[in-house]
Amino acid sequence: MAIITLLTDSGGSDHYVGAIKAKIISINPAVTLIDISHTILACDIAHGAYVLRSVFRDFPKGTIHLVGVDSTGNRGDGYVAVQLEDHFFVGTDNGLLGLVSDQSHQQVVQLEAPESTFPEKDILAPAAARLAKGDPITNVGKPVDSFRRMLNRQVKATRKIIAGHVIRVDNYGNLITNINKTDFDILTKGRNYTIQFGGEKFRRIHTSYYQTEQGDCFLIFNSLGLLEIGIFKGNASELLGLQYDSPVTITFDE
């Protein structure tokens, strides 16, 4: 049975999500619909891309992901369906889909876009439903060479330092950085290091949240392999004064 996931900034207090689902099942009643989130901050492409990038690979290959974040886009933005890492993504060509993977796309088509104030329902939902019925992506839209891609915040990594940034403050107030465990393990090689953010310095990364006392700071590589900074049973963003894009550095001893 085909799966369609839904990721939008529509919230939960209005009819929008229900209308999108109704459109899909009116075309393909057999589809399985799964909500990823509808509480992405309004028009926050970085937030939506982070959430989708973090979870889409947990779904079976062939899953269709309908992305309705900043769906009206800007003047000139179109609508696309993209095959990427053997998944299908349907959304506005506003740059978000280009942030969910560093791999090259397999196929991309431009969707027919009639005038609409509700493109998630009128444009994206029918395309997702058709893909879920097994229509080839090239039957859903016009093949094109590319779609809009943005650059993620890049980590600077040398023998002496890893310089990254906070890329997400999660619901718990934890600070998710773009510093990954692979780079850290390669560069550490038994050397001592200092992790600095704001006015704080630490010389240890924990393997469990429970290695700190309540109210103390922890640093851990999370399930995504990204360095996470938090306060055990507290809100790190508020207590440390750090937000999205705050710098985080790891300096290695010689």
C-alpha atoms as a PDB file:
ATOM      1  CA  MET A   1       0.000   0.000   0.000  1.00  0.00           C
ATOM      2  CA  ALA A   2       1.362   3.409  -1.001  1.00  0.00           C
ATOM      3  CA  ILE A   3       2.289   5.912   1.696  1.00  0.00           C
ATOM      4  CA  ILE A   4       1.950   9.698   1.488  1.00  0.00           C
ATOM      5  CA  THR A   5       3.416  11.803   4.284  1.00  0.00           C
ATOM      6  CA  LEU A   6       2.274  15.341   4.996  1.00  0.00           C
ATOM      7  CA  LEU A   7       4.501  18.160   6.212  1.00  0.00           C
ATOM      8  CA  THR A   8       2.920  21.622   6.333  1.00  0.00           C
ATOM      9  CA  ASP A   9       2.872  24.917   8.182  1.00  0.00           C
ATOM     10  CA  SER A  10      -0.947  24.849   8.262  1.00  0.00           C
ATOM     11  CA  GLY A  11      -1.314  24.332  12.016  1.00  0.00           C
ATOM     12  CA  GLY A  12      -4.139  22.347  13.560  1.00  0.00           C
ATOM     13  CA  SER A  13      -6.911  24.844  14.183  1.00  0.00           C
ATOM     14  CA  ASP A  14      -8.219  25.298  10.640  1.00  0.00           C
ATOM     15  CA  HIS A  15      -9.601  23.118   7.857  1.00  0.00           C
ATOM     16  CA  TYR A  16      -6.504  23.091   5.674  1.00  0.00           C
ATOM     17  CA  VAL A  17      -5.003  19.724   6.589  1.00  0.00           C
ATOM     18  CA  GLY A  18      -8.371  17.993   6.396  1.00  0.00           C
ATOM     19  CA  ALA A  19      -8.984  19.460   2.949  1.00  0.00           C
ATOM     20  CA  ILE A  20      -5.615  18.247   1.661  1.00  0.00           C
ATOM     21  CA  LYS A  21      -6.333  14.735   2.932  1.00  0.00           C
ATOM     22  CA  ALA A  22      -9.835  14.768   1.480  1.00  0.00           C
ATOM     23  CA  LYS A  23      -8.458  15.680  -1.937  1.00  0.00           C
ATOM     24  CA  ILE A  24      -5.923  12.858  -1.828  1.00  0.00           C
ATOM     25  CA  ILE A  25      -8.350  10.137  -0.790  1.00  0.00           C
ATOM     26  CA  SER A  26     -10.958  11.313  -3.308  1.00  0.00           C
ATOM     27  CA  ILE A  27      -8.398  10.395  -5.979  1.00  0.00           C
ATOM     28  CA  ASN A  28      -6.820   7.385  -4.253  1.00  0.00           C
ATOM     29  CA  PRO A  29      -8.887   5.985  -1.343  1.00  0.00           C
ATOM     30  CA  ALA A  30      -6.396   3.160  -0.740  1.00  0.00           C
ATOM     31  CA  VAL A  31      -3.475   5.378   0.206  1.00  0.00           C
ATOM     32  CA  THR A  32      -2.014   5.496   3.720  1.00  0.00           C
ATOM     33  CA  LEU A  33      -1.645   9.073   4.999  1.00  0.00           C
ATOM     34  CA  ILE A  34       0.899   9.840   7.705  1.00  0.00           C
ATOM     35  CA  ASP A  35       1.345  13.241   9.328  1.00  0.00           C
ATOM     36  CA  ILE A  36       4.947  14.272   9.922  1.00  0.00           C
ATOM     37  CA  SER A  37       4.086  17.715  11.283  1.00  0.00           C
ATOM     38  CA  HIS A  38       1.667  20.574  10.686  1.00  0.00           C
ATOM     39  CA  THR A  39       3.259  22.916  13.218  1.00  0.00           C
ATOM     40  CA  ILE A  40       6.243  24.007  11.158  1.00  0.00           C
ATOM     41  CA  LEU A  41       6.629  27.729  11.785  1.00  0.00           C
ATOM     42  CA  ALA A  42       4.821  29.696   9.084  1.00  0.00           C
ATOM     43  CA  CYS A  43       6.902  29.950   5.896  1.00  0.00           C
ATOM     44  CA  ASP A  44       9.994  28.689   7.762  1.00  0.00           C
ATOM     45  CA  ILE A  45      11.824  26.805   5.023  1.00  0.00           C
ATOM     46  CA  ALA A  46      14.830  26.011   7.235  1.00  0.00           C
ATOM     47  CA  HIS A  47      12.565  24.456   9.896  1.00  0.00           C
ATOM     48  CA  GLY A  48      10.652  22.393   7.354  1.00  0.00           C
ATOM     49  CA  ALA A  49      13.814  21.193   5.625  1.00  0.00           C
ATOM     50  CA  TYR A  50      15.397  20.166   8.926  1.00  0.00           C
ATOM     51  CA  VAL A  51      12.370  18.114   9.960  1.00  0.00           C
ATOM     52  CA  LEU A  52      11.996  16.427   6.566  1.00  0.00           C
ATOM     53  CA  ARG A  53      15.723  15.726   6.218  1.00  0.00           C
ATOM     54  CA  SER A  54      15.716  14.159   9.680  1.00  0.00           C
ATOM     55  CA  VAL A  55      12.881  11.703   9.063  1.00  0.00           C
ATOM     56  CA  PHE A  56      12.215  10.884   5.406  1.00  0.00           C
ATOM     57  CA  ARG A  57      14.727   8.009   5.251  1.00  0.00           C
ATOM     58  CA  ASP A  58      12.848   6.248   8.070  1.00  0.00           C
ATOM     59  CA  PHE A  59       9.985   5.638   5.634  1.00  0.00           C
ATOM     60  CA  PRO A  60      10.103   2.879   2.981  1.00  0.00           C
ATOM     61  CA  LYS A  61      11.607   3.734  -0.367  1.00  0.00           C
ATOM     62  CA  GLY A  62       8.905   4.821  -2.782  1.00  0.00           C
ATOM     63  CA  THR A  63       7.117   6.899  -0.138  1.00  0.00           C
ATOM     64  CA  ILE A  64       5.630  10.171  -1.417  1.00  0.00           C
ATOM     65  CA  HIS A  65       6.240  13.246   0.732  1.00  0.00           C
ATOM     66  CA  LEU A  66       3.845  16.175   0.247  1.00  0.00           C
ATOM     67  CA  VAL A  67       5.510  19.350   1.492  1.00  0.00           C
ATOM     68  CA  GLY A  68       3.284  22.364   2.047  1.00  0.00           C
ATOM     69  CA  VAL A  69       5.615  24.847   3.759  1.00  0.00           C
ATOM     70  CA  ASP A  70       5.535  28.383   2.318  1.00  0.00           C
ATOM     71  CA  SER A  71       3.458  26.744  -0.392  1.00  0.00           C
ATOM     72  CA  THR A  72       2.427  29.948  -2.163  1.00  0.00           C
ATOM     73  CA  GLY A  73       6.140  30.759  -2.505  1.00  0.00           C
ATOM     74  CA  ASN A  74       7.408  33.890  -4.166  1.00  0.00           C
ATOM     75  CA  ARG A  75       6.663  35.299  -7.586  1.00  0.00           C
ATOM     76  CA  GLY A  76       8.078  32.940 -10.181  1.00  0.00           C
ATOM     77  CA  ASP A  77       8.226  29.861  -7.950  1.00  0.00           C
ATOM     78  CA  GLY A  78       6.645  26.836  -9.579  1.00  0.00           C
ATOM     79  CA  TYR A  79       5.656  23.412  -8.258  1.00  0.00           C
ATOM     80  CA  VAL A  80       7.690  20.255  -8.711  1.00  0.00           C
ATOM     81  CA  ALA A  81       7.767  16.541  -8.088  1.00  0.00           C
ATOM     82  CA  VAL A  82      11.240  15.189  -7.395  1.00  0.00           C
ATOM     83  CA  GLN A  83      12.575  11.644  -7.141  1.00  0.00           C
ATOM     84  CA  LEU A  84      15.486  11.659  -4.715  1.00  0.00           C
ATOM     85  CA  GLU A  85      17.105   8.741  -2.891  1.00  0.00           C
ATOM     86  CA  ASP A  86      14.246   6.568  -4.231  1.00  0.00           C
ATOM     87  CA  HIS A  87      11.648   8.729  -2.458  1.00  0.00           C
ATOM     88  CA  PHE A  88       9.239  11.153  -4.113  1.00  0.00           C
ATOM     89  CA  PHE A  89       8.767  14.747  -2.964  1.00  0.00           C
ATOM     90  CA  VAL A  90       5.983  17.054  -4.107  1.00  0.00           C
ATOM     91  CA  GLY A  91       6.164  20.712  -3.187  1.00  0.00           C
ATOM     92  CA  THR A  92       6.745  24.324  -4.107  1.00  0.00           C
ATOM     93  CA  ASP A  93      10.029  25.021  -5.871  1.00  0.00           C
ATOM     94  CA  ASN A  94      11.036  27.477  -3.135  1.00  0.00           C
ATOM     95  CA  GLY A  95      14.349  25.901  -2.149  1.00  0.00           C
ATOM     96  CA  LEU A  96      13.137  23.646   0.658  1.00  0.00           C
ATOM     97  CA  LEU A  97      13.358  20.388  -1.287  1.00  0.00           C
ATOM     98  CA  GLY A  98      16.933  21.180  -2.229  1.00  0.00           C
ATOM     99  CA  LEU A  99      17.902  21.159   1.452  1.00  0.00           C
ATOM    100  CA  VAL A 100      16.673  17.682   2.371  1.00  0.00           C
ATOM    101  CA  SER A 101      19.539  15.733   0.776  1.00  0.00           C
ATOM    102  CA  ASP A 102      23.026  16.359  -0.565  1.00  0.00           C
ATOM    103  CA  GLN A 103      22.616  13.654  -3.210  1.00  0.00           C
ATOM    104  CA  SER A 104      21.754  14.342  -6.827  1.00  0.00           C
ATOM    105  CA  HIS A 105      18.137  13.921  -7.841  1.00  0.00           C
ATOM    106  CA  GLN A 106      17.013  11.026  -9.996  1.00  0.00           C
ATOM    107  CA  GLN A 107      14.152  12.762 -11.795  1.00  0.00           C
ATOM    108  CA  VAL A 108      12.331  16.064 -11.520  1.00  0.00           C
ATOM    109  CA  VAL A 109       9.192  17.334 -13.237  1.00  0.00           C
ATOM    110  CA  GLN A 110       7.396  20.651 -13.193  1.00  0.00           C
ATOM    111  CA  LEU A 111       3.747  20.375 -12.223  1.00  0.00           C
ATOM    112  CA  GLU A 112       0.961  22.109 -14.064  1.00  0.00           C
ATOM    113  CA  ALA A 113      -0.009  25.026 -11.842  1.00  0.00           C
ATOM    114  CA  PRO A 114      -3.453  26.556 -12.324  1.00  0.00           C
ATOM    115  CA  GLU A 115      -4.172  29.734 -10.385  1.00  0.00           C
ATOM    116  CA  SER A 116      -4.853  28.728  -6.781  1.00  0.00           C
ATOM    117  CA  THR A 117      -4.890  30.246  -3.308  1.00  0.00           C
ATOM    118  CA  PHE A 118      -4.596  26.710  -1.878  1.00  0.00           C
ATOM    119  CA  PRO A 119      -1.858  24.956  -3.892  1.00  0.00           C
ATOM    120  CA  GLU A 120      -1.427  22.152  -1.346  1.00  0.00           C
ATOM    121  CA  LYS A 121      -4.953  20.981  -2.164  1.00  0.00           C
ATOM    122  CA  ASP A 122      -5.297  22.005  -5.800  1.00  0.00           C
ATOM    123  CA  ILE A 123      -1.796  21.194  -7.142  1.00  0.00           C
ATOM    124  CA  LEU A 124       0.274  19.122  -4.719  1.00  0.00           C
ATOM    125  CA  ALA A 125      -2.392  16.718  -3.449  1.00  0.00           C
ATOM    126  CA  PRO A 126      -3.465  15.499  -6.930  1.00  0.00           C
ATOM    127  CA  ALA A 127       0.179  14.971  -7.937  1.00  0.00           C
ATOM    128  CA  ALA A 128       0.919  13.016  -4.762  1.00  0.00           C
ATOM    129  CA  ALA A 129      -2.227  10.908  -5.197  1.00  0.00           C
ATOM    130  CA  ARG A 130      -1.306  10.036  -8.771  1.00  0.00           C
ATOM    131  CA  LEU A 131       2.199   8.997  -7.754  1.00  0.00           C
ATOM    132  CA  ALA A 132       0.667   6.847  -5.011  1.00  0.00           C
ATOM    133  CA  LYS A 133      -1.497   5.122  -7.637  1.00  0.00           C
ATOM    134  CA  GLY A 134       1.668   4.171  -9.512  1.00  0.00           C
ATOM    135  CA  ASP A 135       1.715   6.806 -12.244  1.00  0.00           C
ATOM    136  CA  PRO A 136       5.281   7.382 -13.496  1.00  0.00           C
ATOM    137  CA  ILE A 137       6.649  10.710 -12.358  1.00  0.00           C
ATOM    138  CA  THR A 138       7.029  11.749 -16.010  1.00  0.00           C
ATOM    139  CA  ASN A 139       3.241  11.421 -16.411  1.00  0.00           C
ATOM    140  CA  VAL A 140       2.622  13.733 -13.473  1.00  0.00           C
ATOM    141  CA  GLY A 141       4.510  16.722 -14.864  1.00  0.00           C
ATOM    142  CA  LYS A 142       6.881  17.996 -17.514  1.00  0.00           C
ATOM    143  CA  PRO A 143      10.479  16.735 -17.143  1.00  0.00           C
ATOM    144  CA  VAL A 144      13.006  19.478 -16.395  1.00  0.00           C
ATOM    145  CA  ASP A 145      16.718  19.409 -15.670  1.00  0.00           C
ATOM    146  CA  SER A 146      16.784  20.814 -12.171  1.00  0.00           C
ATOM    147  CA  PHE A 147      14.954  22.384  -9.276  1.00  0.00           C
ATOM    148  CA  ARG A 148      15.896  25.140  -6.867  1.00  0.00           C
ATOM    149  CA  ARG A 149      18.618  24.210  -4.411  1.00  0.00           C
ATOM    150  CA  MET A 150      19.911  26.227  -1.474  1.00  0.00           C
ATOM    151  CA  LEU A 151      23.136  25.677   0.427  1.00  0.00           C
ATOM    152  CA  ASN A 152      22.929  24.343   3.959  1.00  0.00           C
ATOM    153  CA  ARG A 153      25.054  26.011   6.594  1.00  0.00           C
ATOM    154  CA  GLN A 154      28.502  24.508   6.034  1.00  0.00           C
ATOM    155  CA  VAL A 155      30.815  23.220   8.747  1.00  0.00           C
ATOM    156  CA  LYS A 156      34.436  24.346   8.667  1.00  0.00           C
ATOM    157  CA  ALA A 157      36.625  21.404   9.641  1.00  0.00           C
ATOM    158  CA  THR A 158      40.427  21.445   9.850  1.00  0.00           C
ATOM    159  CA  ARG A 159      42.966  19.545  11.921  1.00  0.00           C
ATOM    160  CA  LYS A 160      42.727  22.245  14.592  1.00  0.00           C
ATOM    161  CA  ILE A 161      39.047  23.191  14.696  1.00  0.00           C
ATOM    162  CA  ILE A 162      35.486  22.298  13.770  1.00  0.00           C
ATOM    163  CA  ALA A 163      33.349  25.411  13.439  1.00  0.00           C
ATOM    164  CA  GLY A 164      29.615  24.924  13.142  1.00  0.00           C
ATOM    165  CA  HIS A 165      26.298  26.524  14.017  1.00  0.00           C
ATOM    166  CA  VAL A 166      23.014  25.794  15.715  1.00  0.00           C
ATOM    167  CA  ILE A 167      20.644  24.694  12.958  1.00  0.00           C
ATOM    168  CA  ARG A 168      17.582  23.962  15.087  1.00  0.00           C
ATOM    169  CA  VAL A 169      16.220  24.714  18.551  1.00  0.00           C
ATOM    170  CA  ASP A 170      13.854  21.836  19.229  1.00  0.00           C
ATOM    171  CA  ASN A 171      10.669  21.743  21.271  1.00  0.00           C
ATOM    172  CA  TYR A 172      12.642  20.978  24.439  1.00  0.00           C
ATOM    173  CA  GLY A 173      14.954  23.940  23.960  1.00  0.00           C
ATOM    174  CA  ASN A 174      17.838  21.673  22.965  1.00  0.00           C
ATOM    175  CA  LEU A 175      20.316  23.114  20.484  1.00  0.00           C
ATOM    176  CA  ILE A 176      20.941  20.921  17.437  1.00  0.00           C
ATOM    177  CA  THR A 177      24.151  21.790  15.587  1.00  0.00           C
ATOM    178  CA  ASN A 178      25.455  20.841  12.154  1.00  0.00           C
ATOM    179  CA  ILE A 179      28.606  19.292  13.657  1.00  0.00           C
ATOM    180  CA  ASN A 180      28.493  15.587  12.860  1.00  0.00           C
ATOM    181  CA  LYS A 181      30.015  12.644  14.677  1.00  0.00           C
ATOM    182  CA  THR A 182      31.866  11.370  11.614  1.00  0.00           C
ATOM    183  CA  ASP A 183      33.982  14.527  11.310  1.00  0.00           C
ATOM    184  CA  PHE A 184      34.523  14.613  15.073  1.00  0.00           C
ATOM    185  CA  ASP A 185      35.714  10.995  15.244  1.00  0.00           C
ATOM    186  CA  ILE A 186      38.122  11.477  12.336  1.00  0.00           C
ATOM    187  CA  LEU A 187      39.672  14.621  13.793  1.00  0.00           C
ATOM    188  CA  THR A 188      39.745  13.624  17.463  1.00  0.00           C
ATOM    189  CA  LYS A 189      41.930  10.508  17.263  1.00  0.00           C
ATOM    190  CA  GLY A 190      42.480  10.496  21.014  1.00  0.00           C
ATOM    191  CA  ARG A 191      43.285  14.200  21.279  1.00  0.00           C
ATOM    192  CA  ASN A 192      41.814  16.432  23.938  1.00  0.00           C
ATOM    193  CA  TYR A 193      39.396  19.108  22.799  1.00  0.00           C
ATOM    194  CA  THR A 194      37.418  22.111  23.995  1.00  0.00           C
ATOM    195  CA  ILE A 195      33.840  22.764  22.922  1.00  0.00           C
ATOM    196  CA  GLN A 196      32.831  26.422  23.129  1.00  0.00           C
ATOM    197  CA  PHE A 197      29.460  28.123  22.681  1.00  0.00           C
ATOM    198  CA  GLY A 198      28.403  31.445  24.103  1.00  0.00           C
ATOM    199  CA  GLY A 199      30.547  31.953  27.192  1.00  0.00           C
ATOM    200  CA  GLU A 200      30.672  28.236  28.013  1.00  0.00           C
ATOM    201  CA  LYS A 201      33.525  25.753  27.584  1.00  0.00           C
ATOM    202  CA  PHE A 202      33.316  21.979  27.919  1.00  0.00           C
ATOM    203  CA  ARG A 203      35.851  19.211  27.452  1.00  0.00           C
ATOM    204  CA  ARG A 204      33.570  16.182  27.371  1.00  0.00           C
ATOM    205  CA  ILE A 205      30.821  14.729  25.204  1.00  0.00           C
ATOM    206  CA  HIS A 206      28.329  12.507  26.971  1.00  0.00           C
ATOM    207  CA  THR A 207      26.881   9.239  25.723  1.00  0.00           C
ATOM    208  CA  SER A 208      23.639   9.542  27.709  1.00  0.00           C
ATOM    209  CA  TYR A 209      21.388  12.337  28.926  1.00  0.00           C
ATOM    210  CA  TYR A 210      21.524  10.784  32.399  1.00  0.00           C
ATOM    211  CA  GLN A 211      25.249  11.448  32.826  1.00  0.00           C
ATOM    212  CA  THR A 212      24.377  14.933  34.085  1.00  0.00           C
ATOM    213  CA  GLU A 213      22.376  16.147  37.043  1.00  0.00           C
ATOM    214  CA  GLN A 214      19.103  17.995  36.623  1.00  0.00           C
ATOM    215  CA  GLY A 215      19.815  21.552  35.554  1.00  0.00           C
ATOM    216  CA  ASP A 216      23.306  20.732  34.245  1.00  0.00           C
ATOM    217  CA  CYS A 217      24.429  21.039  30.634  1.00  0.00           C
ATOM    218  CA  PHE A 218      24.916  17.964  28.463  1.00  0.00           C
ATOM    219  CA  LEU A 219      26.569  17.532  25.080  1.00  0.00           C
ATOM    220  CA  ILE A 220      25.719  14.437  23.082  1.00  0.00           C
ATOM    221  CA  PHE A 221      25.694  13.118  19.534  1.00  0.00           C
ATOM    222  CA  ASN A 222      22.002  12.474  18.944  1.00  0.00           C
ATOM    223  CA  SER A 223      20.245   9.818  16.869  1.00  0.00           C
ATOM    224  CA  LEU A 224      20.987  11.838  13.704  1.00  0.00           C
ATOM    225  CA  GLY A 225      24.700  11.859  14.490  1.00  0.00           C
ATOM    226  CA  LEU A 226      24.632  15.613  15.179  1.00  0.00           C
ATOM    227  CA  LEU A 227      26.087  17.361  18.208  1.00  0.00           C
ATOM    228  CA  GLU A 228      23.266  18.389  20.533  1.00  0.00           C
ATOM    229  CA  ILE A 229      23.564  20.771  23.485  1.00  0.00           C
ATOM    230  CA  GLY A 230      20.947  20.755  26.202  1.00  0.00           C
ATOM    231  CA  ILE A 231      20.109  21.275  29.839  1.00  0.00           C
ATOM    232  CA  PHE A 232      18.904  18.113  31.557  1.00  0.00           C
ATOM    233  CA  LYS A 233      15.272  18.797  32.473  1.00  0.00           C
ATOM    234  CA  GLY A 234      15.717  22.411  31.350  1.00  0.00           C
ATOM    235  CA  ASN A 235      15.663  24.711  28.305  1.00  0.00           C
ATOM    236  CA  ALA A 236      19.171  25.248  26.932  1.00  0.00           C
ATOM    237  CA  SER A 237      18.174  27.943  24.465  1.00  0.00           C
ATOM    238  CA  GLU A 238      16.717  30.125  27.201  1.00  0.00           C
ATOM    239  CA  LEU A 239      19.331  29.393  29.862  1.00  0.00           C
ATOM    240  CA  LEU A 240      22.366  29.649  27.589  1.00  0.00           C
ATOM    241  CA  GLY A 241      21.036  32.491  25.452  1.00  0.00           C
ATOM    242  CA  LEU A 242      21.652  30.659  22.168  1.00  0.00           C
ATOM    243  CA  GLN A 243      19.379  30.531  19.125  1.00  0.00           C
ATOM    244  CA  TYR A 244      19.341  29.421  15.508  1.00  0.00           C
ATOM    245  CA  ASP A 245      22.689  30.203  13.809  1.00  0.00           C
ATOM    246  CA  SER A 246      24.618  30.656  17.072  1.00  0.00           C
ATOM    247  CA  PRO A 247      28.255  29.537  16.575  1.00  0.00           C
ATOM    248  CA  VAL A 248      29.641  26.381  18.184  1.00  0.00           C
ATOM    249  CA  THR A 249      33.325  25.421  17.894  1.00  0.00           C
ATOM    250  CA  ILE A 250      35.455  22.433  18.835  1.00  0.00           C
ATOM    251  CA  THR A 251      39.165  23.208  19.194  1.00  0.00           C
ATOM    252  CA  PHE A 252      41.639  20.334  19.319  1.00  0.00           C
ATOM    253  CA  ASP A 253      44.817  20.330  21.427  1.00  0.00           C
ATOM    254  CA  GLU A 254      48.044  19.819  19.555  1.00  0.00           C
END
